[in-house]
Amino acid sequence: MQTSTTSRREPLQTPRAAGVAGIVFALLIAAAIVLIRLGIPQGADTVSYQAPDPSRRSAVKWALLLVPFAGIFFLWFVGAVRSHVGEAEDRFVATVYLGSAVVFTATMFSAAAVASALLATSHPAGTSPSRPTWDFGQHLAYTLMIEYAMRMAAVFVCSTSVIGHRLGIMPRWLTLLGFLAALVLLFVSASVPWSELVFPAWSLLLSVYILMESFRRSATAPDPEPAA
C-alpha cells in the first residue's frame, strides 16, 4: 500500500519541482542578462576600448555571480521535466533536448568565466587595460553568450515544444509561442539587443503553466482509497 501511494504522488510532485526550478532559473538568467546589458551596453559589434566605469563593473560582477545559480536551477528544471516525461519520450527528440540543455549551460558558464577573467586581469588598479586583451575578451564573452548560448537555447525551446506537443502536455498556444521564441533566439538575438530576454520570458511562462497545471490536477485528483 505504501508503494501504491508513492506511485500516485510522483506524477504530481515532479511537475511542481520543474515549475519551481524553471521560475527561479528564468528570474536569475533574466536578471543576469539585464545587468550585463546595463554594464556593457555597447555590445560586441561596437566594442569600446574604454573599460566600464565602477558602477557598470559592479553590475557585470553581480550578473556573473548569478550565472552559476541560474545554471544549477536550469539543470534541475531539465531533469525534472525529463523525469516527468519518462518512458513516453522520443529518443531522438529527447537527445536533442538534453544535448542542447547541456551545451547551453556549458556555453553560458564559459561566457561568464571569460567575462570574470577579463574584469579581474585586464585592468588592474592604477594601470591601463591592454587593448588587444580587452577587445578579445569582450568579443569572446558576447559571442559565447549572445550567439552560441542563445542559439542552443533556441534548440532547447524548439525540442521542448515538440515534446510537449507530441505528448499533449502543452496547449497549442504555448507550443506556438515556443516555436516563435526559438525563431527569435535563432535568427534575431545576435543582431537585436535585449531580444535574448525572450528565453527567460518563455521559461517563466512555461514554468508557471506547469506549476498551475500541477495544482489543478492535485485539486481534481480523487482521494486514495483508505487501507483495509
Protein backbone atom coordinates (compact mmCIF):
# COMPACT_ATOMS: atom_id res chain seq x y z
CA MET A 1 0.00 0.00 0.00
CA GLN A 2 2.89 2.38 0.71
CA THR A 3 4.36 1.73 -2.74
CA SER A 4 0.99 2.42 -4.37
CA THR A 5 0.62 5.74 -2.56
CA THR A 6 4.11 6.83 -3.61
CA SER A 7 3.41 5.99 -7.26
CA ARG A 8 0.26 8.09 -7.15
CA ARG A 9 2.07 11.11 -5.75
CA GLU A 10 5.13 11.08 -8.01
CA PRO A 11 3.48 12.43 -11.20
CA LEU A 12 2.16 15.40 -9.21
CA GLN A 13 5.38 16.25 -7.37
CA THR A 14 7.70 16.18 -10.40
CA PRO A 15 5.89 18.93 -12.35
CA ARG A 16 5.95 21.13 -9.26
CA ALA A 17 9.71 20.69 -8.95
CA ALA A 18 10.08 21.54 -12.65
CA GLY A 19 7.84 24.58 -12.29
CA VAL A 20 9.65 25.98 -9.26
CA ALA A 21 13.11 25.35 -10.74
CA GLY A 22 12.07 26.90 -14.05
CA ILE A 23 10.70 30.03 -12.37
CA VAL A 24 13.89 30.53 -10.33
CA PHE A 25 16.05 29.95 -13.41
CA ALA A 26 14.04 32.40 -15.51
CA LEU A 27 14.30 35.13 -12.89
CA LEU A 28 18.04 34.60 -12.34
CA ILE A 29 19.02 34.48 -16.01
CA ALA A 30 16.81 37.48 -16.81
CA ALA A 31 18.48 39.47 -14.02
CA ALA A 32 21.92 38.45 -15.27
CA ILE A 33 21.12 39.48 -18.86
CA VAL A 34 19.73 42.84 -17.74
CA LEU A 35 22.78 43.55 -15.56
CA ILE A 36 25.17 42.62 -18.37
CA ARG A 37 23.30 44.80 -20.86
CA LEU A 38 23.37 47.71 -18.40
CA GLY A 39 27.02 47.14 -17.55
CA ILE A 40 28.31 46.79 -21.14
CA PRO A 41 25.55 48.29 -23.28
CA GLN A 42 27.55 48.71 -26.48
CA GLY A 43 27.78 45.01 -27.28
CA ALA A 44 30.46 43.18 -29.24
CA ASP A 45 29.87 44.85 -32.61
CA THR A 46 30.68 48.32 -31.25
CA VAL A 47 33.18 47.22 -28.63
CA SER A 48 34.85 50.05 -26.80
CA TYR A 49 38.45 50.34 -25.73
CA GLN A 50 37.40 52.01 -22.51
CA ALA A 51 36.71 49.73 -19.57
CA PRO A 52 33.31 50.22 -17.90
CA ASP A 53 33.10 52.65 -15.01
CA PRO A 54 32.92 51.27 -11.42
CA SER A 55 29.11 51.19 -11.32
CA ARG A 56 28.93 49.24 -14.57
CA ARG A 57 31.71 46.90 -13.46
CA SER A 58 29.69 46.24 -10.32
CA ALA A 59 26.61 45.41 -12.39
CA VAL A 60 28.59 42.95 -14.51
CA LYS A 61 30.09 41.32 -11.41
CA TRP A 62 26.63 40.83 -9.91
CA ALA A 63 25.48 39.29 -13.17
CA LEU A 64 28.41 36.89 -13.16
CA LEU A 65 27.54 35.84 -9.60
CA LEU A 66 24.01 34.95 -10.70
CA VAL A 67 25.02 32.84 -13.71
CA PRO A 68 26.18 29.69 -11.81
CA PHE A 69 22.97 29.57 -9.77
CA ALA A 70 20.91 30.08 -12.92
CA GLY A 71 22.72 27.12 -14.49
CA ILE A 72 22.07 24.92 -11.44
CA PHE A 73 18.34 25.63 -11.45
CA PHE A 74 18.22 25.20 -15.23
CA LEU A 75 19.68 21.69 -14.97
CA TRP A 76 17.22 20.93 -12.18
CA PHE A 77 14.40 22.13 -14.42
CA VAL A 78 15.63 19.97 -17.31
CA GLY A 79 15.94 16.91 -15.09
CA ALA A 80 12.51 17.36 -13.55
CA VAL A 81 10.82 17.75 -16.93
CA ARG A 82 12.64 14.69 -18.33
CA SER A 83 11.68 12.65 -15.28
CA HIS A 84 8.05 13.65 -15.73
CA VAL A 85 8.06 12.65 -19.41
CA GLY A 86 9.60 9.27 -18.52
CA GLU A 87 9.29 6.35 -20.92
CA ALA A 88 6.97 8.26 -23.24
CA GLU A 89 9.77 10.45 -24.60
CA ASP A 90 11.03 10.05 -28.15
CA ARG A 91 14.71 9.12 -28.10
CA PHE A 92 15.72 11.42 -30.95
CA VAL A 93 13.93 14.49 -29.63
CA ALA A 94 14.98 13.66 -26.06
CA THR A 95 18.63 13.51 -27.15
CA VAL A 96 18.36 16.91 -28.83
CA TYR A 97 16.55 18.27 -25.77
CA LEU A 98 19.17 17.05 -23.29
CA GLY A 99 22.14 17.86 -25.53
CA SER A 100 21.03 21.43 -26.19
CA ALA A 101 20.45 21.97 -22.46
CA VAL A 102 23.96 20.75 -21.58
CA VAL A 103 25.63 22.76 -24.36
CA PHE A 104 23.66 25.88 -23.39
CA THR A 105 24.76 25.57 -19.76
CA ALA A 106 28.40 24.93 -20.68
CA THR A 107 28.45 27.87 -23.12
CA MET A 108 26.81 30.18 -20.58
CA PHE A 109 29.37 29.19 -17.94
CA SER A 110 32.21 29.70 -20.44
CA ALA A 111 30.99 33.21 -21.29
CA ALA A 112 30.72 34.06 -17.59
CA ALA A 113 34.22 32.72 -16.93
CA VAL A 114 35.69 34.77 -19.79
CA ALA A 115 33.98 37.95 -18.57
CA SER A 116 35.08 37.32 -14.99
CA ALA A 117 38.69 36.74 -16.04
CA LEU A 118 38.59 39.86 -18.22
CA LEU A 119 37.45 42.06 -15.35
CA ALA A 120 39.97 40.53 -12.97
CA THR A 121 43.11 40.68 -15.14
CA SER A 122 42.77 43.17 -17.99
CA HIS A 123 42.60 46.37 -15.94
CA PRO A 124 44.47 46.17 -12.64
CA ALA A 125 44.28 49.21 -10.36
CA GLY A 126 46.48 52.07 -11.50
CA THR A 127 47.18 50.68 -14.97
CA SER A 128 45.60 50.96 -18.40
CA PRO A 129 43.93 47.92 -19.94
CA SER A 130 45.62 46.13 -22.79
CA ARG A 131 43.58 46.91 -25.88
CA PRO A 132 44.02 43.51 -27.60
CA THR A 133 43.11 41.70 -24.38
CA TRP A 134 40.10 43.93 -23.71
CA ASP A 135 38.76 43.69 -27.28
CA PHE A 136 39.30 39.94 -27.45
CA GLY A 137 37.69 39.34 -24.05
CA GLN A 138 34.58 41.41 -24.80
CA HIS A 139 34.08 39.86 -28.21
CA LEU A 140 34.57 36.33 -26.88
CA ALA A 141 32.18 36.77 -23.93
CA TYR A 142 29.47 38.37 -26.09
CA THR A 143 29.86 35.81 -28.87
CA LEU A 144 29.58 32.90 -26.46
CA MET A 145 26.56 34.28 -24.63
CA ILE A 146 24.55 36.03 -27.34
CA GLU A 147 25.31 33.98 -30.44
CA TYR A 148 26.14 30.45 -29.31
CA ALA A 149 24.32 30.12 -25.99
CA MET A 150 21.14 31.75 -27.30
CA ARG A 151 21.12 29.51 -30.37
CA MET A 152 21.43 26.46 -28.16
CA ALA A 153 18.58 27.93 -26.14
CA ALA A 154 16.58 28.09 -29.39
CA VAL A 155 17.18 24.37 -29.96
CA PHE A 156 16.14 23.65 -26.37
CA VAL A 157 12.94 25.69 -26.71
CA CYS A 158 12.08 24.01 -30.02
CA SER A 159 12.69 20.47 -28.74
CA THR A 160 10.74 21.15 -25.56
CA SER A 161 7.82 22.43 -27.61
CA VAL A 162 7.95 19.34 -29.84
CA ILE A 163 7.93 17.03 -26.81
CA GLY A 164 5.07 18.94 -25.20
CA HIS A 165 3.04 18.89 -28.42
CA ARG A 166 3.56 15.19 -29.13
CA LEU A 167 2.63 14.13 -25.60
CA GLY A 168 -0.25 16.58 -25.34
CA ILE A 169 1.09 18.15 -22.14
CA MET A 170 1.36 21.66 -23.60
CA PRO A 171 -1.54 23.67 -25.04
CA ARG A 172 -1.40 24.70 -28.68
CA TRP A 173 -0.86 28.39 -27.90
CA LEU A 174 2.15 27.62 -25.69
CA THR A 175 3.62 25.34 -28.36
CA LEU A 176 3.28 28.06 -31.00
CA LEU A 177 4.87 30.60 -28.67
CA GLY A 178 7.75 28.19 -28.15
CA PHE A 179 8.39 27.88 -31.89
CA LEU A 180 8.20 31.67 -32.27
CA ALA A 181 10.64 32.16 -29.38
CA ALA A 182 13.01 29.63 -30.97
CA LEU A 183 12.97 31.57 -34.26
CA VAL A 184 13.72 34.83 -32.44
CA LEU A 185 16.61 33.30 -30.50
CA LEU A 186 17.99 31.60 -33.58
CA PHE A 187 17.89 34.48 -36.07
CA VAL A 188 17.29 37.75 -34.20
CA SER A 189 19.08 37.63 -30.84
CA ALA A 190 22.55 38.13 -32.34
CA SER A 191 21.57 41.43 -34.00
CA VAL A 192 18.80 42.93 -31.85
CA PRO A 193 19.77 43.95 -28.29
CA TRP A 194 17.57 42.69 -25.45
CA SER A 195 15.89 40.08 -27.67
CA GLU A 196 17.68 37.37 -25.68
CA LEU A 197 15.18 38.08 -22.89
CA VAL A 198 12.73 36.01 -24.95
CA PHE A 199 14.31 32.87 -23.47
CA PRO A 200 13.75 33.66 -19.78
CA ALA A 201 10.29 35.01 -20.64
CA TRP A 202 9.36 31.73 -22.34
CA SER A 203 10.90 29.71 -19.48
CA LEU A 204 8.90 31.69 -16.93
CA LEU A 205 5.66 31.26 -18.88
CA LEU A 206 6.19 27.51 -19.29
CA SER A 207 7.14 27.05 -15.63
CA VAL A 208 4.12 28.96 -14.37
CA TYR A 209 1.88 26.87 -16.64
CA ILE A 210 3.43 23.63 -15.38
CA LEU A 211 3.02 24.72 -11.76
CA MET A 212 -0.60 25.84 -12.21
CA GLU A 213 -1.46 22.65 -14.08
CA SER A 214 0.07 20.58 -11.29
CA PHE A 215 -2.03 22.30 -8.63
CA ARG A 216 -5.14 21.95 -10.79
CA ARG A 217 -4.59 18.22 -11.18
CA SER A 218 -3.97 17.88 -7.45
CA ALA A 219 -7.28 19.60 -6.72
CA THR A 220 -9.24 17.41 -9.11
CA ALA A 221 -7.46 14.09 -8.39
CA PRO A 222 -9.58 11.57 -6.42
CA ASP A 223 -8.51 10.79 -2.88
CA PRO A 224 -6.73 7.44 -2.47
CA GLU A 225 -8.84 4.67 -1.04
CA PRO A 226 -8.19 4.02 2.66
CA ALA A 227 -6.31 0.87 3.53
CA ALA A 228 -8.43 -2.04 4.60
